[in-house]
Protein backbone atom coordinates (compact mmCIF):
# COMPACT_ATOMS: atom_id res chain seq x y z
CA UNK A 1 0.00 0.00 0.00
CA UNK A 2 2.90 2.34 0.74
CA UNK A 3 4.10 2.01 -2.87
CA UNK A 4 0.65 2.73 -4.32
CA UNK A 5 0.15 5.55 -1.84
CA UNK A 6 3.49 7.14 -2.77
CA UNK A 7 2.76 6.68 -6.48
CA UNK A 8 -0.62 8.38 -6.11
CA UNK A 9 0.86 11.37 -4.32
CA UNK A 10 3.54 11.79 -6.98
CA UNK A 11 0.91 11.47 -9.71
CA UNK A 12 -1.11 14.24 -8.07
CA UNK A 13 1.91 16.55 -7.90
CA UNK A 14 2.88 15.76 -11.50
CA UNK A 15 -0.65 16.42 -12.79
CA UNK A 16 -1.02 19.84 -11.19
CA UNK A 17 2.54 21.13 -11.54
CA UNK A 18 2.72 19.76 -15.07
CA UNK A 19 -0.49 21.52 -16.08
CA UNK A 20 0.87 24.90 -15.04
CA UNK A 21 4.24 24.28 -16.69
CA UNK A 22 2.76 23.01 -19.97
CA UNK A 23 0.36 25.96 -20.16
CA UNK A 24 3.36 28.32 -20.08
CA UNK A 25 5.82 26.23 -22.10
CA UNK A 26 3.80 25.29 -25.20
CA UNK A 27 2.87 28.91 -26.06
CA UNK A 28 6.58 29.47 -26.79
CA UNK A 29 6.06 27.32 -29.90
CA UNK A 30 2.73 28.83 -30.94
CA UNK A 31 3.21 32.10 -32.79
CA UNK A 32 0.37 34.52 -32.13
CA UNK A 33 -0.83 32.78 -29.00
CA UNK A 34 -1.23 35.05 -25.95
CA UNK A 35 -1.04 33.60 -22.43
CA UNK A 36 -2.77 36.76 -21.25
CA UNK A 37 -5.69 36.76 -23.66
CA UNK A 38 -6.25 33.15 -24.74
CA UNK A 39 -7.52 30.19 -22.75
CA UNK A 40 -5.33 27.15 -22.15
CA UNK A 41 -7.71 24.98 -24.19
CA UNK A 42 -6.96 27.09 -27.27
CA UNK A 43 -3.55 25.39 -27.37
CA UNK A 44 -5.36 22.30 -28.65
CA UNK A 45 -7.41 23.94 -31.40
CA UNK A 46 -7.26 22.31 -34.89
CA UNK A 47 -4.89 24.95 -36.30
CA UNK A 48 -2.52 24.98 -33.33
CA UNK A 49 1.08 23.90 -34.07
CA UNK A 50 1.25 22.37 -30.58
CA UNK A 51 -2.09 20.58 -30.78
CA UNK A 52 -0.67 17.04 -30.64
CA UNK A 53 1.64 17.48 -27.61
CA UNK A 54 -1.05 19.48 -25.82
CA UNK A 55 -3.74 16.85 -26.35
CA UNK A 56 -1.38 14.04 -25.34
CA UNK A 57 -0.55 15.94 -22.16
CA UNK A 58 -4.22 16.51 -21.34
CA UNK A 59 -4.83 12.76 -21.58
CA UNK A 60 -1.82 12.07 -19.36
CA UNK A 61 -2.91 14.74 -16.89
CA UNK A 62 -6.38 13.24 -16.57
CA UNK A 63 -4.95 9.77 -16.00
CA UNK A 64 -2.54 11.13 -13.38
CA UNK A 65 -5.44 12.71 -11.47
CA UNK A 66 -7.34 9.41 -11.58
CA UNK A 67 -4.23 7.55 -10.41
CA UNK A 68 -4.06 9.88 -7.40
CA UNK A 69 -7.58 9.09 -6.16
CA UNK A 70 -6.65 6.02 -4.06
CA UNK A 71 -3.96 8.04 -2.27
CA UNK A 72 -6.44 10.81 -1.45
CA UNK A 73 -8.86 8.20 -0.10
CA UNK A 74 -6.17 6.43 1.90
CA UNK A 75 -5.04 9.59 3.69
CA UNK A 76 -8.21 11.63 4.10
CA UNK A 77 -10.95 9.00 4.56
CA UNK A 78 -10.15 8.39 8.25
CA UNK A 79 -10.52 12.14 8.83
CA UNK A 80 -13.92 12.52 7.14
CA UNK A 81 -15.38 9.94 4.80
CA UNK A 82 -18.06 12.20 3.31
CA UNK A 83 -15.77 15.14 2.54
CA UNK A 84 -13.12 12.79 1.15
CA UNK A 85 -15.55 11.07 -1.22
CA UNK A 86 -16.79 14.49 -2.37
CA UNK A 87 -13.21 15.60 -3.07
CA UNK A 88 -12.56 12.38 -4.99
CA UNK A 89 -15.72 12.80 -7.09
CA UNK A 90 -14.92 16.43 -7.90
CA UNK A 91 -11.35 15.48 -8.81
CA UNK A 92 -12.51 12.59 -11.00
CA UNK A 93 -15.02 14.79 -12.85
CA UNK A 94 -12.30 17.40 -13.41
CA UNK A 95 -9.91 14.71 -14.66
CA UNK A 96 -12.43 13.41 -17.19
CA UNK A 97 -14.36 16.55 -18.12
CA UNK A 98 -11.63 19.20 -18.13
CA UNK A 99 -8.63 17.04 -19.05
CA UNK A 100 -9.44 13.80 -20.91
CA UNK A 101 -12.37 15.30 -22.82
CA UNK A 102 -10.05 18.13 -23.93
CA UNK A 103 -7.80 15.55 -25.58
CA UNK A 104 -10.60 14.19 -27.77
CA UNK A 105 -12.89 17.20 -28.18
CA UNK A 106 -11.03 20.37 -29.11
CA UNK A 107 -12.18 23.97 -29.03
CA UNK A 108 -11.67 26.20 -32.04
CA UNK A 109 -9.20 29.06 -32.22
CA UNK A 110 -12.01 31.56 -31.80
CA UNK A 111 -15.27 31.19 -29.90
CA UNK A 112 -17.19 32.39 -32.94
CA UNK A 113 -16.81 28.94 -34.52
CA UNK A 114 -18.96 26.37 -32.71
CA UNK A 115 -18.82 22.65 -33.49
CA UNK A 116 -20.13 19.49 -31.82
CA UNK A 117 -16.62 18.86 -30.46
CA UNK A 118 -16.35 22.34 -28.98
CA UNK A 119 -19.79 21.97 -27.35
CA UNK A 120 -18.79 18.67 -25.71
CA UNK A 121 -15.49 20.19 -24.63
CA UNK A 122 -17.25 23.24 -23.24
CA UNK A 123 -19.74 21.23 -21.21
CA UNK A 124 -17.13 18.87 -19.79
CA UNK A 125 -14.68 21.66 -19.04
CA UNK A 126 -17.24 23.90 -17.33
CA UNK A 127 -18.62 21.14 -15.12
CA UNK A 128 -15.17 19.84 -14.21
CA UNK A 129 -13.73 23.28 -13.60
CA UNK A 130 -16.62 24.46 -11.43
CA UNK A 131 -16.56 21.34 -9.26
CA UNK A 132 -12.80 21.33 -8.81
CA UNK A 133 -13.01 24.99 -7.84
CA UNK A 134 -14.14 23.68 -4.45
CA UNK A 135 -11.11 21.40 -4.04
CA UNK A 136 -9.19 24.00 -1.98
CA UNK A 137 -12.18 24.41 0.35
CA UNK A 138 -12.58 20.64 0.79
CA UNK A 139 -8.84 20.32 1.37
CA UNK A 140 -9.04 23.08 3.98
CA UNK A 141 -11.89 21.30 5.80
CA UNK A 142 -10.02 18.00 5.80
CA UNK A 143 -6.82 19.69 6.96
CA UNK A 144 -8.54 21.46 9.87
CA UNK A 145 -10.29 18.24 10.87
CA UNK A 146 -6.98 16.41 10.74
CA UNK A 147 -5.19 18.98 12.86
CA UNK A 148 -3.18 20.43 9.95
CA UNK A 149 -3.89 24.08 10.72
CA UNK A 150 -1.33 25.58 8.32
CA UNK A 151 -2.66 23.54 5.38
CA UNK A 152 -6.19 24.43 6.43
CA UNK A 153 -5.46 28.14 6.35
CA UNK A 154 -3.70 27.77 3.01
CA UNK A 155 -6.70 25.95 1.56
CA UNK A 156 -9.15 28.58 2.79
CA UNK A 157 -7.07 31.47 1.43
CA UNK A 158 -6.55 29.72 -1.91
CA UNK A 159 -10.28 28.97 -2.20
CA UNK A 160 -11.08 32.67 -1.77
CA UNK A 161 -8.41 33.65 -4.31
CA UNK A 162 -9.58 31.00 -6.80
CA UNK A 163 -13.15 32.32 -6.55
CA UNK A 164 -11.97 35.84 -7.35
CA UNK A 165 -9.94 34.75 -10.38
CA UNK A 166 -12.72 32.44 -11.55
CA UNK A 167 -15.13 35.38 -11.49
CA UNK A 168 -12.66 37.44 -13.53
CA UNK A 169 -12.23 34.50 -15.92
CA UNK A 170 -16.00 34.28 -16.45
CA UNK A 171 -16.29 38.05 -17.01
CA UNK A 172 -13.28 38.19 -19.34
CA UNK A 173 -15.17 37.34 -22.54
CA UNK A 174 -18.02 39.76 -21.89
CA UNK A 175 -18.23 42.44 -24.56
CA UNK A 176 -18.56 45.19 -21.96
CA UNK A 177 -15.05 44.41 -20.67
CA UNK A 178 -13.36 44.21 -24.08
CA UNK A 179 -10.10 46.14 -24.16
CA UNK A 180 -9.84 46.31 -20.37
CA UNK A 181 -7.60 44.36 -18.01
CA UNK A 182 -10.59 42.15 -17.17
CA UNK A 183 -10.48 40.74 -20.73
CA UNK A 184 -7.25 38.86 -19.89
CA UNK A 185 -8.94 35.45 -20.01
CA UNK A 186 -5.75 33.39 -20.13
CA UNK A 187 -4.18 35.20 -17.19
CA UNK A 188 -7.20 34.76 -14.92
CA UNK A 189 -7.56 31.09 -15.86
CA UNK A 190 -3.93 30.37 -15.01
CA UNK A 191 -4.15 32.22 -11.70
CA UNK A 192 -7.37 30.38 -10.86
CA UNK A 193 -5.76 27.01 -11.58
CA UNK A 194 -2.70 27.95 -9.53
CA UNK A 195 -4.80 28.64 -6.44
CA UNK A 196 -6.99 25.58 -7.07
CA UNK A 197 -3.90 23.38 -7.22
CA UNK A 198 -1.70 24.94 -4.53
CA UNK A 199 -3.35 23.43 -1.40
CA UNK A 200 -3.34 19.90 -2.83
CA UNK A 201 0.23 20.29 -4.09
CA UNK A 202 1.32 21.46 -0.63
CA UNK A 203 -0.54 18.58 1.05
CA UNK A 204 0.87 16.01 -1.40
CA UNK A 205 4.43 17.29 -0.95
CA UNK A 206 4.08 17.16 2.83
CA UNK A 207 2.56 13.68 2.79
CA UNK A 208 5.26 12.44 0.41
CA UNK A 209 7.93 13.75 2.76
CA UNK A 210 6.18 12.19 5.76
CA UNK A 211 5.79 8.88 3.93
CA UNK A 212 9.52 8.86 3.15
CA UNK A 213 10.38 9.70 6.72
CA UNK A 214 11.81 13.13 5.92
């Protein structure tokens, strides 16, 4: 169990850290792409020069999240079964809807072009993203219940920050905000993901160190 537990924690760290790194690295090879203005999903549009590596990564990322589920259950279930199962469900939906679906159903370069694939992607991404938005809050609750006050505070602060950046992300494509700083869709999405991921990354790093006796 220790091996599977350690593997799950490392998979969780790799999924979240890798997502942030890939979202900043691939744009270097995509002329005309703006990390400030364009969503991460746009990296996988049909005309993108980095479509193949991006889609492969999204599949890998989703599988890494799913691989991490047993480790989350193993550690958090004794603290609170209900909250742990909720966190696992939200993470699984995010892995499938916002990651794996992205691999097979791409968005288009602009939102003006709507296809069946982009509709499926949009639905999966929205549901997964909105559910996983609560991951920092659930992590905070589990951390407080487990006596991990510092991780609990981190989760609560990150949840509040993620909500703010998610709101900005939602408002970014509104016509009334065109040409303003609020229109920076890509920036707000990346900040939102950072704060969604940070509490779980911190918890996984700590648990990995504890598991290795550091």
